[in-house]
Amino acid sequence: MGGVKLYWKKYRKAIEHVIPVENQFTLFRISSWRVILFRNTVLYCIPVSLVGLVLFLIHEFMTGKVFFPVFMVIVVIMLMGFVINRKIELDYRMVIVVILLYLIALIYLIFVGSDGPGALYLLIITFFTAMIFPPKATYIPLIINTLICIGIGLVIKFNIFPTPLSDTYDLTLWIAYSVNLIFVSFVSVLMISSILNGFEKTRIKEVMLLKKLDASERYYRNVFDSNPVPMYIFELNTGNFLKVNDAAVKKYGYSKEEFLSMNITKIRPTSEISKLMDIFSTIKTRTYSGILTHMNKEGHSFPVEIDTNIVSLDGVEARLVLATDVSKRVNYVRMIEKQNQDFKDIAWIQSHKVRAPLTNIMSLTEMMLQNPHGDHIDLLYMLKESTTQLNETIASIVHQAEENQIPPE
């Protein structure tokens, strides 16, 4: 049994070699589908016809007939020779095969009569031609069948040469037989043409839809791969990375191959893993946005704003994550908070440290005004000391404000 399979595989490859299809993408075209149908017909008909031919030859030789079997052998050899000859264009080979099949059918009709498969061959050739040739050529077999029936009718009418059909049919009966044969051929061609036309329209729609889907897939793939913000997709059940973009590779320091062998916990500090598990066990199938802490390959932690949603990648339920580094934003907020604290400190200094020497100056000035002729030397020293304190305090406030000035973004 194994040997038969091996020989069949070799035989199949040989037929595919002599009757090739240009490329796999052309399978969407009806013309390529017709070629494949022709190839498969040849593939299965050659071994079956050889078995039938051998049995036919044995029967004919046992009955003493020689000419007809020899002629059939010659026709079959010619048929196989034209089929496997790659030097002849495939369209011409298909036409030659149909012509030789018609020749075989005609010989069967004339020399074997209604007991042979001639009429059946005519119908099979009609079906076969309608399926492997374009619509304009499908009605040619109807004309050929009609001409064959007319020719045989003339042979029966005028007894041009002896044939078993003359013993079975008179002209009237043959006309009735021929009309039925031509009618069946016409209906068959009409149905096959309609089916193939519908099939071709469907295939064209499928091709257009596939092209649109392919363009859409390329667009979203480019959006993902070329996005300047790190993006990645991980499997929901395992947390394993399924896909990462170039920005993520650059940001985290891992190669794409390393990412695809990792789990999402590898880009989180140990202290954040329990928080991560709590978040994803809570949100389940919902979207999520928030700020988490991530870690790159070198162990450096940084805050990221996460936006995530459920997606399906190759049939696997997953999450798409957009991870925006918000280190600058967080640092800026911290600076604002520190600045606000500094302003509070300045307000406290103003209300306590500046206010004290200023109050002293105001009091000393009032005393000097009330006693203009007294000894003011002590008051002047006290006034000088208060003004010095006030100057130092103001200088300290200015220096602190300059150090904590908020830089522009």
Protein backbone atom coordinates (compact mmCIF):
# COMPACT_ATOMS: atom_id res chain seq x y z
CA MET A 1 0.00 0.00 0.00
CA GLY A 2 2.88 2.33 0.82
CA GLY A 3 4.41 1.68 -2.60
CA VAL A 4 1.16 2.64 -4.34
CA LYS A 5 1.00 5.91 -2.40
CA LEU A 6 4.61 6.66 -3.31
CA TYR A 7 4.01 6.07 -7.03
CA TRP A 8 0.80 8.11 -6.91
CA LYS A 9 2.65 11.01 -5.28
CA LYS A 10 5.33 10.90 -7.99
CA TYR A 11 2.69 10.71 -10.71
CA ARG A 12 0.80 13.66 -9.19
CA LYS A 13 3.96 15.79 -9.07
CA ALA A 14 4.68 14.92 -12.70
CA ILE A 15 1.20 16.05 -13.81
CA GLU A 16 1.48 19.25 -11.74
CA HIS A 17 4.82 19.90 -13.42
CA VAL A 18 3.50 19.55 -16.97
CA ILE A 19 0.27 21.49 -16.23
CA PRO A 20 1.41 24.29 -13.89
CA VAL A 21 -0.53 27.12 -12.30
CA GLU A 22 1.37 30.42 -12.35
CA ASN A 23 1.26 31.13 -8.61
CA GLN A 24 -0.95 30.57 -5.62
CA PHE A 25 -2.44 34.07 -5.69
CA THR A 26 -3.97 33.36 -9.13
CA LEU A 27 -6.20 30.76 -7.50
CA PHE A 28 -8.56 33.68 -6.94
CA ARG A 29 -8.97 33.98 -10.72
CA ILE A 30 -11.51 31.78 -12.47
CA SER A 31 -9.08 31.17 -15.36
CA SER A 32 -6.59 29.55 -12.99
CA TRP A 33 -9.38 27.57 -11.42
CA ARG A 34 -10.25 26.21 -14.90
CA VAL A 35 -6.61 25.16 -15.38
CA ILE A 36 -6.66 23.35 -12.05
CA LEU A 37 -9.87 21.59 -13.05
CA PHE A 38 -8.27 20.51 -16.34
CA ARG A 39 -5.17 19.29 -14.50
CA ASN A 40 -7.19 17.29 -11.97
CA THR A 41 -9.29 15.78 -14.76
CA VAL A 42 -6.14 14.64 -16.54
CA LEU A 43 -4.69 13.45 -13.22
CA TYR A 44 -7.55 11.03 -12.53
CA CYS A 45 -8.69 10.20 -16.06
CA ILE A 46 -5.35 8.90 -17.37
CA PRO A 47 -5.09 5.91 -14.98
CA VAL A 48 -8.82 5.15 -15.21
CA SER A 49 -8.83 5.35 -19.02
CA LEU A 50 -5.73 3.14 -19.24
CA VAL A 51 -7.47 0.44 -17.20
CA GLY A 52 -10.56 0.72 -19.41
CA LEU A 53 -8.42 0.68 -22.55
CA VAL A 54 -6.63 -2.51 -21.50
CA LEU A 55 -9.93 -4.28 -20.83
CA PHE A 56 -11.31 -3.01 -24.15
CA LEU A 57 -8.24 -4.23 -26.05
CA ILE A 58 -8.48 -7.68 -24.48
CA HIS A 59 -12.15 -7.92 -25.46
CA GLU A 60 -11.59 -6.71 -29.02
CA PHE A 61 -8.61 -8.99 -29.68
CA MET A 62 -10.53 -11.97 -28.32
CA THR A 63 -13.35 -11.23 -30.80
CA GLY A 64 -10.86 -11.01 -33.66
CA LYS A 65 -11.05 -7.25 -34.19
CA VAL A 66 -7.69 -5.56 -34.75
CA PHE A 67 -8.09 -2.24 -36.58
CA PHE A 68 -10.32 -0.50 -34.06
CA PRO A 69 -8.21 -1.38 -30.94
CA VAL A 70 -4.99 -0.34 -32.69
CA PHE A 71 -6.57 2.95 -33.73
CA MET A 72 -7.73 3.59 -30.15
CA VAL A 73 -4.23 2.91 -28.82
CA ILE A 74 -2.79 5.42 -31.29
CA VAL A 75 -5.35 8.07 -30.30
CA VAL A 76 -4.74 7.55 -26.56
CA ILE A 77 -0.96 7.78 -27.05
CA MET A 78 -1.41 11.00 -29.03
CA LEU A 79 -3.72 12.32 -26.33
CA MET A 80 -1.21 11.66 -23.56
CA GLY A 81 1.64 13.00 -25.69
CA PHE A 82 -0.09 16.34 -26.24
CA VAL A 83 -1.12 16.61 -22.58
CA ILE A 84 2.41 16.24 -21.20
CA ASN A 85 4.19 18.30 -23.88
CA ARG A 86 5.17 21.57 -22.16
CA LYS A 87 6.49 23.00 -25.43
CA ILE A 88 2.87 23.46 -26.52
CA GLU A 89 0.98 26.29 -24.83
CA LEU A 90 -1.56 25.07 -22.31
CA ASP A 91 -4.55 26.59 -24.12
CA TYR A 92 -3.61 24.73 -27.31
CA ARG A 93 -3.14 21.50 -25.38
CA MET A 94 -6.62 21.86 -23.92
CA VAL A 95 -8.11 22.37 -27.40
CA ILE A 96 -6.21 19.36 -28.81
CA VAL A 97 -7.39 17.17 -25.93
CA VAL A 98 -11.02 18.12 -26.60
CA ILE A 99 -10.60 17.41 -30.34
CA LEU A 100 -9.11 13.96 -29.66
CA LEU A 101 -11.89 13.20 -27.17
CA TYR A 102 -14.43 14.12 -29.84
CA LEU A 103 -12.63 11.81 -32.25
CA ILE A 104 -12.86 8.94 -29.75
CA ALA A 105 -16.57 9.64 -29.15
CA LEU A 106 -17.27 9.76 -32.89
CA ILE A 107 -15.43 6.47 -33.49
CA TYR A 108 -17.40 4.81 -30.70
CA LEU A 109 -20.68 6.07 -32.17
CA ILE A 110 -19.90 4.95 -35.72
CA PHE A 111 -18.23 1.60 -35.07
CA VAL A 112 -19.86 0.47 -31.81
CA GLY A 113 -23.23 2.18 -32.08
CA SER A 114 -25.62 2.72 -29.21
CA ASP A 115 -24.02 -0.13 -27.25
CA GLY A 116 -20.82 1.91 -26.84
CA PRO A 117 -20.15 5.00 -24.72
CA GLY A 118 -20.07 7.39 -27.70
CA ALA A 119 -23.17 9.43 -26.78
CA LEU A 120 -22.09 9.52 -23.14
CA TYR A 121 -18.67 10.80 -24.26
CA LEU A 122 -20.37 13.61 -26.18
CA LEU A 123 -22.20 14.75 -23.04
CA ILE A 124 -19.07 14.45 -20.90
CA ILE A 125 -17.06 16.47 -23.43
CA THR A 126 -19.80 19.11 -23.40
CA PHE A 127 -19.64 19.39 -19.59
CA PHE A 128 -15.85 19.34 -19.62
CA THR A 129 -15.55 22.03 -22.30
CA ALA A 130 -18.05 24.29 -20.54
CA MET A 131 -15.98 24.09 -17.36
CA ILE A 132 -12.43 24.53 -18.69
CA PHE A 133 -13.00 27.15 -21.41
CA PRO A 134 -14.21 30.78 -21.18
CA PRO A 135 -17.98 31.45 -21.54
CA LYS A 136 -17.68 32.43 -25.22
CA ALA A 137 -16.30 28.98 -26.08
CA THR A 138 -18.76 26.93 -24.05
CA TYR A 139 -21.42 26.85 -26.79
CA ILE A 140 -19.04 25.48 -29.44
CA PRO A 141 -19.64 21.86 -28.25
CA LEU A 142 -23.37 22.38 -28.93
CA ILE A 143 -22.56 23.22 -32.54
CA ILE A 144 -20.19 20.24 -32.81
CA ASN A 145 -22.76 17.88 -31.26
CA THR A 146 -25.40 19.17 -33.68
CA LEU A 147 -23.09 18.67 -36.68
CA ILE A 148 -22.22 15.13 -35.52
CA CYS A 149 -25.90 14.25 -35.14
CA ILE A 150 -26.68 15.69 -38.60
CA GLY A 151 -23.76 13.81 -40.15
CA ILE A 152 -24.79 10.48 -38.61
CA GLY A 153 -28.38 11.17 -39.69
CA LEU A 154 -27.17 11.53 -43.28
CA VAL A 155 -25.21 8.28 -42.96
CA ILE A 156 -28.36 6.51 -41.72
CA LYS A 157 -30.56 8.11 -44.39
CA PHE A 158 -28.34 7.43 -47.40
CA ASN A 159 -26.48 4.39 -46.01
CA ILE A 160 -23.14 5.97 -46.92
CA PHE A 161 -21.19 3.28 -45.03
CA PRO A 162 -22.26 0.46 -42.73
CA THR A 163 -22.64 1.31 -39.04
CA PRO A 164 -24.44 -0.38 -36.14
CA LEU A 165 -26.52 2.79 -35.76
CA SER A 166 -28.26 2.03 -39.09
CA ASP A 167 -29.47 -1.26 -37.60
CA THR A 168 -30.76 0.40 -34.43
CA TYR A 169 -32.20 3.70 -35.67
CA ASP A 170 -34.14 4.94 -38.64
CA LEU A 171 -33.95 8.64 -39.51
CA THR A 172 -37.02 9.62 -37.45
CA LEU A 173 -35.84 7.80 -34.35
CA TRP A 174 -32.33 9.22 -34.74
CA ILE A 175 -33.71 12.77 -35.02
CA ALA A 176 -35.65 12.25 -31.78
CA TYR A 177 -32.53 10.84 -30.13
CA SER A 178 -30.40 13.74 -31.42
CA VAL A 179 -32.88 16.40 -30.27
CA ASN A 180 -32.78 14.99 -26.74
CA LEU A 181 -28.99 14.81 -26.81
CA ILE A 182 -28.67 18.41 -28.01
CA PHE A 183 -31.30 19.62 -25.52
CA VAL A 184 -29.50 17.98 -22.59
CA SER A 185 -26.21 19.45 -23.84
CA PHE A 186 -27.73 22.93 -24.11
CA VAL A 187 -29.30 22.84 -20.64
CA SER A 188 -26.05 21.51 -19.15
CA VAL A 189 -23.95 24.24 -20.77
CA LEU A 190 -26.43 26.91 -19.70
CA MET A 191 -26.42 25.72 -16.08
CA ILE A 192 -22.65 25.31 -15.91
CA SER A 193 -22.09 28.76 -17.43
CA SER A 194 -24.50 30.36 -14.95
CA ILE A 195 -22.86 28.58 -12.02
CA LEU A 196 -19.35 29.53 -13.12
CA ASN A 197 -20.34 33.15 -13.79
CA GLY A 198 -21.82 33.37 -10.31
CA PHE A 199 -18.74 31.68 -8.90
CA GLU A 200 -16.48 34.15 -10.71
CA LYS A 201 -18.43 37.14 -9.40
CA THR A 202 -18.22 35.71 -5.90
CA ARG A 203 -14.48 35.17 -6.25
CA ILE A 204 -14.01 38.74 -7.50
CA LYS A 205 -15.89 40.06 -4.46
CA GLU A 206 -13.78 37.85 -2.21
CA VAL A 207 -10.58 39.15 -3.81
CA MET A 208 -11.70 42.76 -3.38
CA LEU A 209 -12.66 42.10 0.23
CA LEU A 210 -9.35 40.36 0.90
CA LYS A 211 -7.47 43.27 -0.65
CA LYS A 212 -9.37 45.71 1.57
CA LEU A 213 -8.70 43.56 4.62
CA ASP A 214 -5.04 43.28 3.65
CA ALA A 215 -4.78 47.05 3.22
CA SER A 216 -6.53 47.60 6.55
CA GLU A 217 -4.24 45.10 8.24
CA ARG A 218 -1.16 46.77 6.77
CA TYR A 219 -2.43 50.18 7.92
CA TYR A 220 -3.02 49.10 11.51
CA ARG A 221 0.24 47.15 11.54
CA ASN A 222 2.06 50.32 10.46
CA VAL A 223 0.20 52.33 13.10
CA PHE A 224 1.33 49.80 15.70
CA ASP A 225 4.91 49.31 14.50
CA SER A 226 5.62 52.97 13.68
CA ASN A 227 3.93 54.50 16.71
CA PRO A 228 6.45 56.63 18.67
CA VAL A 229 4.78 55.57 21.93
CA PRO A 230 5.65 52.09 23.28
CA MET A 231 2.90 49.58 22.52
CA TYR A 232 2.64 45.87 23.19
CA ILE A 233 0.10 43.05 23.16
CA PHE A 234 0.06 40.30 25.76
CA GLU A 235 -2.04 37.17 26.20
CA LEU A 236 -4.71 37.53 28.86
CA ASN A 237 -4.42 34.07 30.36
CA THR A 238 -0.64 33.83 30.63
CA GLY A 239 0.55 37.45 30.51
CA ASN A 240 3.11 36.50 27.85
CA PHE A 241 4.05 39.13 25.28
CA LEU A 242 2.64 38.42 21.82
CA LYS A 243 3.75 41.52 19.93
CA VAL A 244 5.76 44.70 20.64
CA ASN A 245 6.58 47.74 18.53
CA ASP A 246 9.95 49.37 17.91
CA ALA A 247 9.30 52.15 20.43
CA ALA A 248 8.88 49.55 23.19
CA VAL A 249 12.14 47.88 22.16
CA LYS A 250 13.92 51.23 22.36
CA LYS A 251 12.32 52.27 25.65
CA TYR A 252 12.72 49.05 27.62
CA GLY A 253 16.02 47.87 26.12
CA TYR A 254 14.85 44.33 25.27
CA SER A 255 14.93 42.94 21.73
CA LYS A 256 11.69 41.70 20.17
CA GLU A 257 12.87 38.11 20.58
CA GLU A 258 13.52 38.73 24.28
CA PHE A 259 10.11 40.35 24.69
CA LEU A 260 8.33 37.37 23.09
CA SER A 261 9.96 35.04 25.62
CA MET A 262 8.95 37.22 28.59
CA ASN A 263 5.97 37.86 30.83
CA ILE A 264 4.56 41.33 31.56
CA THR A 265 5.79 41.06 35.17
CA LYS A 266 9.38 41.32 33.87
CA ILE A 267 8.94 45.03 33.10
CA ARG A 268 7.58 45.83 36.57
CA PRO A 269 9.46 46.34 39.83
CA THR A 270 8.85 43.56 42.34
CA SER A 271 6.87 45.93 44.54
CA GLU A 272 4.42 46.63 41.68
CA ILE A 273 3.57 43.02 40.70
CA SER A 274 0.85 42.50 43.31
CA LYS A 275 -0.71 45.83 42.32
CA LEU A 276 -0.63 44.75 38.67
CA MET A 277 -2.36 41.45 39.43
CA ASP A 278 -5.04 43.24 41.45
CA ILE A 279 -5.72 45.66 38.60
CA PHE A 280 -6.11 43.02 35.89
CA SER A 281 -8.18 40.73 38.08
CA THR A 282 -10.53 43.66 38.68
CA ILE A 283 -10.91 45.12 35.20
CA LYS A 284 -11.16 41.73 33.37
CA THR A 285 -12.78 42.59 30.02
CA ARG A 286 -12.97 46.35 30.55
CA THR A 287 -10.68 49.11 29.39
CA TYR A 288 -8.23 50.63 31.85
CA SER A 289 -6.29 53.87 32.16
CA GLY A 290 -3.93 54.76 34.97
CA ILE A 291 -0.37 55.47 36.02
CA LEU A 292 1.88 52.53 36.92
CA THR A 293 5.60 52.03 37.41
CA HIS A 294 7.60 50.15 34.77
CA MET A 295 11.21 49.03 34.70
CA ASN A 296 13.64 48.72 31.78
CA LYS A 297 16.28 46.07 31.18
CA GLU A 298 18.88 48.01 33.20
CA GLY A 299 16.59 48.07 36.24
CA HIS A 300 15.69 51.76 35.98
CA SER A 301 12.09 52.46 37.07
CA PHE A 302 9.92 55.14 35.50
CA PRO A 303 6.23 56.09 35.66
CA VAL A 304 4.00 55.31 32.66
CA GLU A 305 0.42 56.17 31.83
CA ILE A 306 -1.33 52.98 30.73
CA ASP A 307 -4.23 52.82 28.25
CA THR A 308 -5.36 49.26 27.54
CA ASN A 309 -8.20 47.41 25.86
CA ILE A 310 -9.20 43.86 24.92
CA VAL A 311 -8.18 42.66 21.42
CA SER A 312 -7.99 39.34 19.57
CA LEU A 313 -4.69 38.38 17.92
CA ASP A 314 -4.75 35.27 15.71
CA GLY A 315 -7.72 33.96 17.67
CA VAL A 316 -6.04 34.52 21.05
CA GLU A 317 -7.72 36.79 23.60
CA ALA A 318 -5.23 39.49 24.48
CA ARG A 319 -4.74 43.07 25.67
CA LEU A 320 -3.34 45.96 23.69
CA VAL A 321 -1.36 48.35 25.89
CA LEU A 322 -0.23 51.90 25.15
CA ALA A 323 2.48 52.84 27.68
CA THR A 324 3.36 56.55 27.69
CA ASP A 325 6.38 57.61 29.74
CA VAL A 326 5.18 60.42 32.04
CA SER A 327 8.46 60.97 33.92
CA LYS A 328 8.67 64.63 32.84
CA ARG A 329 5.06 65.24 33.76
CA VAL A 330 5.47 63.61 37.19
CA ASN A 331 8.71 65.53 37.84
CA TYR A 332 7.02 68.75 36.81
CA VAL A 333 4.11 68.10 39.18
CA ARG A 334 6.56 67.37 41.97
CA MET A 335 8.39 70.62 41.21
CA ILE A 336 5.10 72.52 41.33
CA GLU A 337 4.31 70.95 44.69
CA LYS A 338 7.77 71.88 45.99
CA GLN A 339 7.35 75.39 44.62
CA ASN A 340 4.04 75.72 46.44
CA GLN A 341 5.73 74.60 49.65
CA ASP A 342 8.48 77.15 49.07
CA PHE A 343 5.87 79.85 48.61
CA LYS A 344 4.34 78.84 51.92
CA ASP A 345 7.79 79.07 53.52
CA ILE A 346 8.28 82.52 51.98
CA ALA A 347 4.90 83.62 53.30
CA TRP A 348 5.89 82.38 56.76
CA ILE A 349 9.22 84.22 56.53
CA GLN A 350 7.41 87.36 55.46
CA SER A 351 4.96 87.11 58.30
CA HIS A 352 7.60 86.39 60.97
CA LYS A 353 11.21 87.19 60.04
CA VAL A 354 10.52 90.26 57.89
CA ARG A 355 7.76 91.51 60.10
CA ALA A 356 9.91 91.58 63.28
CA PRO A 357 12.69 93.98 62.10
CA LEU A 358 10.14 96.05 60.26
CA THR A 359 8.14 96.44 63.46
CA ASN A 360 11.31 97.41 65.33
CA ILE A 361 12.12 100.11 62.76
CA MET A 362 8.60 101.47 62.97
CA SER A 363 8.76 101.56 66.80
CA LEU A 364 12.19 103.22 66.91
CA THR A 365 11.14 105.79 64.37
CA GLU A 366 8.07 106.60 66.45
CA MET A 367 10.21 107.01 69.62
CA MET A 368 12.60 109.37 67.84
CA LEU A 369 9.70 111.45 66.61
CA GLN A 370 8.27 111.70 70.12
CA ASN A 371 11.65 112.76 71.65
CA PRO A 372 13.39 114.81 68.95
CA HIS A 373 15.99 116.44 71.30
CA GLY A 374 17.03 113.43 73.33
CA ASP A 375 20.08 111.25 73.03
CA HIS A 376 19.31 109.13 69.98
CA ILE A 377 22.60 107.28 69.64
CA ASP A 378 21.26 104.04 71.13
CA LEU A 379 18.13 104.28 69.05
CA LEU A 380 20.21 104.81 65.91
CA TYR A 381 22.24 101.67 66.61
CA MET A 382 19.07 99.71 67.16
CA LEU A 383 17.63 101.16 63.94
CA LYS A 384 20.76 100.18 62.00
CA GLU A 385 20.64 96.63 63.38
CA SER A 386 16.98 96.28 62.41
CA THR A 387 17.61 97.56 58.88
CA THR A 388 20.54 95.11 58.53
CA GLN A 389 18.31 92.23 59.62
CA LEU A 390 15.63 93.33 57.20
CA ASN A 391 18.15 93.53 54.33
CA GLU A 392 19.51 90.05 55.06
CA THR A 393 16.02 88.58 55.27
CA ILE A 394 14.96 90.13 51.97
CA ALA A 395 18.18 88.91 50.30
CA SER A 396 17.49 85.40 51.61
CA ILE A 397 13.94 85.47 50.25
CA VAL A 398 15.12 86.63 46.81
CA HIS A 399 17.84 83.95 46.71
CA GLN A 400 15.40 81.20 47.66
CA ALA A 401 12.87 82.34 45.06
CA GLU A 402 15.56 82.31 42.33
CA GLU A 403 16.69 78.80 43.26
CA ASN A 404 13.14 77.42 43.12
CA GLN A 405 12.02 79.17 39.98
CA ILE A 406 9.87 76.85 37.77
CA PRO A 407 11.65 76.20 34.47
CA PRO A 408 9.62 76.52 31.27
CA GLU A 409 8.44 73.20 29.68
